[in-house]
Structure formats: structure tokens, C-alpha cells
Amino acid sequence: MTVLVSARLQLVPFAIEHLEGLHAMNSDPEVMRFISGQPETLDETRAAIERVQRRWLQFGYSWWSFIERDSGQVVGAGAIQNLRWDAAAEPDAASPLELGWRLRRDRWHRGLATEAARVMAAYAFDALRADELLAVCHPDNAASAAVMKRLGMQYGGVQTWYGLGLATYRITAGQWQAASAGASGPTTRVVPERT
């Protein structure tokens, strides 16, 4: 499992010690408005952590908790994972890679989602050798779509993922390299984590 580091965040694979912070975020109806449409229970958050830990072992990538470096608090979560047509289906490594994120409401509008997404995208293209990355969001989720555009992703229309019609954005490895060549974004470090 891999820890990623940016200017303000440490991205750490989901662990049971993140339960309280992840649940505080995922139980907020506003955070979940465009994701599942309903707050998550503590048992659902615990089950998600366990599921994510299995996926890290299976695929070598999955969800990270965003730990704010100054406060040490869980302030968000994000993933590199395989997209699925049906939400109930198991991930398949042959499916396109998706970049996803969410933030605690009191950390919105600070650029943290973009910062974390850049670190995860760089990892996907550099370490995982992804050919392309997709990101999806509810068509009304303007904030997430704005992050996708800031990453240089191109809108591909509304497509069916997770059984829903979702706005779909895409960027290829070549587009990412071209966009990143002159960028002076936050420093990124990949820290292999001992398991």
C-alpha cells in the first residue's frame, strides 16, 4: 500500500483508525448529496474500510484518507479504482480507471480536492502506468466537475456508470504529461507503506 504526500495533505490507505473521521464526513447529508444521496451509517463506514483494505491487497490501489498535515485530521477521501457499470458488481481490473474524491464540508472551497486529485492522477499515470483516467459525477455536481476541468480532463457526456447517468470526464496519459510539463503545482512524494 502506498502513501502519497502533497503540500497540505497526506493520503493514507483506509485504516480502521480513520473510522471516526471518515464517518463524520460520510454521515453528512451535504457531502453525500451527489454521491449516494443519503448519509452513511457507522456500520456502513466500517464495512467500506474493510472492503477497501481487501481491494488494496487485490489491486494495489483503492481509497485513501486525506489527512491534513497541519491538524492530523481526516478531511477527505479519494480513490483510484475501476469503474463499474453496475454499483453492485465487483471491480474488474480490465475496466477503466476512475479518479474520485470527497471532502469534509468545512474544507470545501480551499483547493484541497484539486490538490489531492493531482497527486492521485500523477500516481496513476507514473506508478500504475495508466493509459487514461476517467472521473464521473452527478450532472448537477458543479464543484466536482470544476475540479475535473482544472485537472485538464475533457467532458465526454453523460454515460452510465454505477447504474446511473453520470457526467464523465477523461484525460489520457499524453494529455496529462503535456498539461503537467509546465505546471508548478504542489510537490508530490510517494512513500511506500510497510504492510
Protein backbone atom coordinates (compact mmCIF):
# COMPACT_ATOMS: atom_id res chain seq x y z
CA MET A 1 0.00 0.00 0.00
CA THR A 2 1.19 3.48 -0.83
CA VAL A 3 1.08 6.80 1.00
CA LEU A 4 1.03 9.96 -1.14
CA VAL A 5 2.12 13.36 0.15
CA SER A 6 1.25 16.83 -1.16
CA ALA A 7 1.76 20.32 0.21
CA ARG A 8 -1.12 20.17 2.71
CA LEU A 9 -2.22 16.54 2.73
CA GLN A 10 -1.01 13.04 3.40
CA LEU A 11 -3.05 10.42 1.52
CA VAL A 12 -3.07 7.22 3.57
CA PRO A 13 -4.81 3.97 2.58
CA PHE A 14 -8.04 3.47 4.55
CA ALA A 15 -7.38 2.07 8.02
CA ILE A 16 -9.66 1.36 10.95
CA GLU A 17 -8.16 4.30 12.86
CA HIS A 18 -9.75 6.56 10.21
CA LEU A 19 -13.25 5.28 11.08
CA GLU A 20 -14.34 8.26 13.17
CA GLY A 21 -13.11 10.86 10.69
CA LEU A 22 -14.47 9.06 7.62
CA HIS A 23 -17.82 8.50 9.30
CA ALA A 24 -18.09 12.16 10.33
CA MET A 25 -17.68 13.10 6.66
CA ASN A 26 -19.83 10.33 5.15
CA SER A 27 -22.69 10.88 7.58
CA ASP A 28 -23.07 14.50 6.42
CA PRO A 29 -26.08 14.69 4.03
CA GLU A 30 -24.49 17.57 2.11
CA VAL A 31 -21.27 15.63 1.48
CA MET A 32 -23.26 12.61 0.29
CA ARG A 33 -25.86 14.60 -1.69
CA PHE A 34 -24.36 13.82 -5.11
CA ILE A 35 -22.68 10.52 -4.14
CA SER A 36 -25.29 8.19 -2.66
CA GLY A 37 -27.97 10.70 -1.78
CA GLN A 38 -28.06 9.62 1.85
CA PRO A 39 -25.83 9.72 4.93
CA GLU A 40 -23.76 6.63 5.73
CA THR A 41 -24.17 4.71 8.99
CA LEU A 42 -21.21 3.86 11.20
CA ASP A 43 -21.54 0.18 10.21
CA GLU A 44 -21.51 1.14 6.52
CA THR A 45 -18.34 3.19 7.01
CA ARG A 46 -16.69 0.30 8.87
CA ALA A 47 -17.68 -2.13 6.09
CA ALA A 48 -16.32 0.28 3.47
CA ILE A 49 -12.95 0.40 5.23
CA GLU A 50 -12.78 -3.41 5.30
CA ARG A 51 -13.79 -3.64 1.62
CA VAL A 52 -11.19 -1.03 0.64
CA GLN A 53 -8.45 -2.85 2.55
CA ARG A 54 -9.22 -6.02 0.56
CA ARG A 55 -9.08 -4.05 -2.70
CA TRP A 56 -5.68 -2.60 -1.82
CA LEU A 57 -4.41 -6.15 -1.44
CA GLN A 58 -6.12 -7.33 -4.62
CA PHE A 59 -5.35 -4.42 -6.98
CA GLY A 60 -2.58 -2.36 -5.36
CA TYR A 61 -4.77 0.77 -5.40
CA SER A 62 -8.07 1.88 -3.91
CA TRP A 63 -9.21 4.58 -1.44
CA TRP A 64 -7.02 6.90 0.60
CA SER A 65 -7.99 9.00 3.62
CA PHE A 66 -6.88 12.62 3.21
CA ILE A 67 -5.06 13.54 6.41
CA GLU A 68 -4.49 17.26 6.83
CA ARG A 69 -0.82 17.65 7.64
CA ASP A 70 -1.28 20.65 9.96
CA SER A 71 -4.13 19.24 12.07
CA GLY A 72 -3.72 15.46 11.65
CA GLN A 73 -7.46 15.21 10.96
CA VAL A 74 -9.24 13.19 8.27
CA VAL A 75 -10.59 15.90 5.96
CA GLY A 76 -11.48 13.87 2.89
CA ALA A 77 -11.10 10.68 0.90
CA GLY A 78 -10.21 9.79 -2.64
CA ALA A 79 -9.56 6.83 -4.85
CA ILE A 80 -8.11 5.30 -7.90
CA GLN A 81 -10.46 2.43 -8.66
CA ASN A 82 -12.01 0.60 -11.58
CA LEU A 83 -15.29 1.99 -12.88
CA ARG A 84 -18.29 -0.32 -12.88
CA TRP A 85 -21.45 -0.27 -14.97
CA ASP A 86 -23.43 -1.60 -12.02
CA ALA A 87 -22.84 -0.40 -8.45
CA ALA A 88 -23.39 -3.93 -7.11
CA ALA A 89 -20.75 -5.51 -9.40
CA GLU A 90 -17.28 -6.38 -8.17
CA PRO A 91 -14.42 -4.27 -9.57
CA ASP A 92 -12.65 -5.64 -12.64
CA ALA A 93 -9.06 -4.65 -13.38
CA ALA A 94 -9.93 -4.61 -17.10
CA SER A 95 -12.38 -1.70 -16.58
CA PRO A 96 -11.25 1.92 -16.95
CA LEU A 97 -9.52 3.55 -14.01
CA GLU A 98 -11.52 6.19 -12.17
CA LEU A 99 -10.26 9.08 -10.11
CA GLY A 100 -12.66 10.08 -7.31
CA TRP A 101 -12.75 12.25 -4.18
CA ARG A 102 -14.87 13.84 -1.47
CA LEU A 103 -14.12 16.38 1.25
CA ARG A 104 -15.45 17.25 4.66
CA ARG A 105 -17.82 20.20 4.27
CA ASP A 106 -15.72 22.57 6.41
CA ARG A 107 -12.80 22.04 3.99
CA TRP A 108 -14.71 22.89 0.79
CA HIS A 109 -13.50 25.79 -1.42
CA ARG A 110 -9.86 25.61 -0.32
CA GLY A 111 -8.38 23.80 -3.32
CA LEU A 112 -7.83 20.56 -1.37
CA ALA A 113 -9.83 18.40 -3.79
CA THR A 114 -7.74 19.61 -6.72
CA GLU A 115 -4.51 19.15 -4.77
CA ALA A 116 -5.40 15.59 -3.80
CA ALA A 117 -6.71 14.73 -7.27
CA ARG A 118 -3.43 15.91 -8.87
CA VAL A 119 -1.41 13.69 -6.54
CA MET A 120 -3.62 10.67 -7.24
CA ALA A 121 -3.60 11.28 -11.01
CA ALA A 122 0.18 11.61 -11.03
CA TYR A 123 0.41 8.30 -9.17
CA ALA A 124 -1.97 6.61 -11.61
CA PHE A 125 -0.01 7.76 -14.66
CA ASP A 126 3.53 7.46 -13.26
CA ALA A 127 3.39 4.42 -10.98
CA LEU A 128 0.42 2.46 -12.33
CA ARG A 129 1.20 3.34 -15.97
CA ALA A 130 -2.45 4.12 -16.71
CA ASP A 131 -3.24 4.96 -20.34
CA GLU A 132 -6.13 7.18 -19.29
CA LEU A 133 -8.16 8.22 -16.26
CA LEU A 134 -11.88 8.89 -16.05
CA ALA A 135 -13.80 10.81 -13.42
CA VAL A 136 -17.57 10.83 -13.00
CA CYS A 137 -20.05 12.93 -11.07
CA HIS A 138 -23.75 13.66 -10.82
CA PRO A 139 -24.60 16.06 -13.68
CA ASP A 140 -25.58 18.75 -11.12
CA ASN A 141 -22.34 18.50 -9.14
CA ALA A 142 -20.67 21.64 -10.48
CA ALA A 143 -17.92 21.64 -7.83
CA SER A 144 -16.61 18.19 -8.79
CA ALA A 145 -16.89 18.98 -12.49
CA ALA A 146 -14.80 22.11 -11.90
CA VAL A 147 -12.04 20.01 -10.32
CA MET A 148 -12.12 17.67 -13.31
CA LYS A 149 -11.72 20.62 -15.67
CA ARG A 150 -8.84 22.05 -13.59
CA LEU A 151 -7.09 18.70 -14.00
CA GLY A 152 -7.34 19.11 -17.78
CA MET A 153 -9.99 16.41 -18.18
CA GLN A 154 -12.32 16.62 -21.17
CA TYR A 155 -16.08 16.25 -20.89
CA GLY A 156 -17.37 13.09 -22.59
CA GLY A 157 -21.10 13.50 -21.97
CA VAL A 158 -23.45 11.67 -19.63
CA GLN A 159 -22.66 7.95 -19.53
CA THR A 160 -23.97 5.07 -17.43
CA TRP A 161 -21.70 4.12 -14.52
CA TYR A 162 -22.77 2.52 -11.23
CA GLY A 163 -26.22 2.19 -12.76
CA LEU A 164 -26.62 5.97 -13.02
CA GLY A 165 -26.34 8.60 -15.73
CA LEU A 166 -23.16 10.45 -14.71
CA ALA A 167 -21.19 13.31 -16.26
CA THR A 168 -18.00 11.66 -17.48
CA TYR A 169 -14.60 13.31 -17.90
CA ARG A 170 -11.42 11.78 -19.34
CA ILE A 171 -7.72 12.52 -19.67
CA THR A 172 -5.07 10.43 -21.41
CA ALA A 173 -1.52 9.90 -20.22
CA GLY A 174 -0.26 12.07 -23.09
CA GLN A 175 -2.64 14.90 -22.23
CA TRP A 176 -1.64 14.68 -18.58
CA GLN A 177 2.07 14.82 -19.41
CA ALA A 178 1.57 17.79 -21.73
CA ALA A 179 -0.51 19.66 -19.14
CA SER A 180 1.91 18.82 -16.31
CA ALA A 181 5.09 19.73 -18.20
CA GLY A 182 4.95 23.42 -17.34
CA ALA A 183 2.84 23.21 -14.20
CA SER A 184 4.27 24.29 -10.89
CA GLY A 185 1.83 22.55 -8.59
CA PRO A 186 2.38 21.09 -5.12
CA THR A 187 5.27 18.77 -4.55
CA THR A 188 4.27 15.12 -4.60
CA ARG A 189 6.08 12.31 -2.84
CA VAL A 190 5.21 8.64 -2.96
CA VAL A 191 6.02 6.90 0.29
CA PRO A 192 5.84 3.09 0.18
CA GLU A 193 4.00 1.95 3.27
CA ARG A 194 5.09 -1.13 5.16
CA THR A 195 2.36 -3.74 5.40
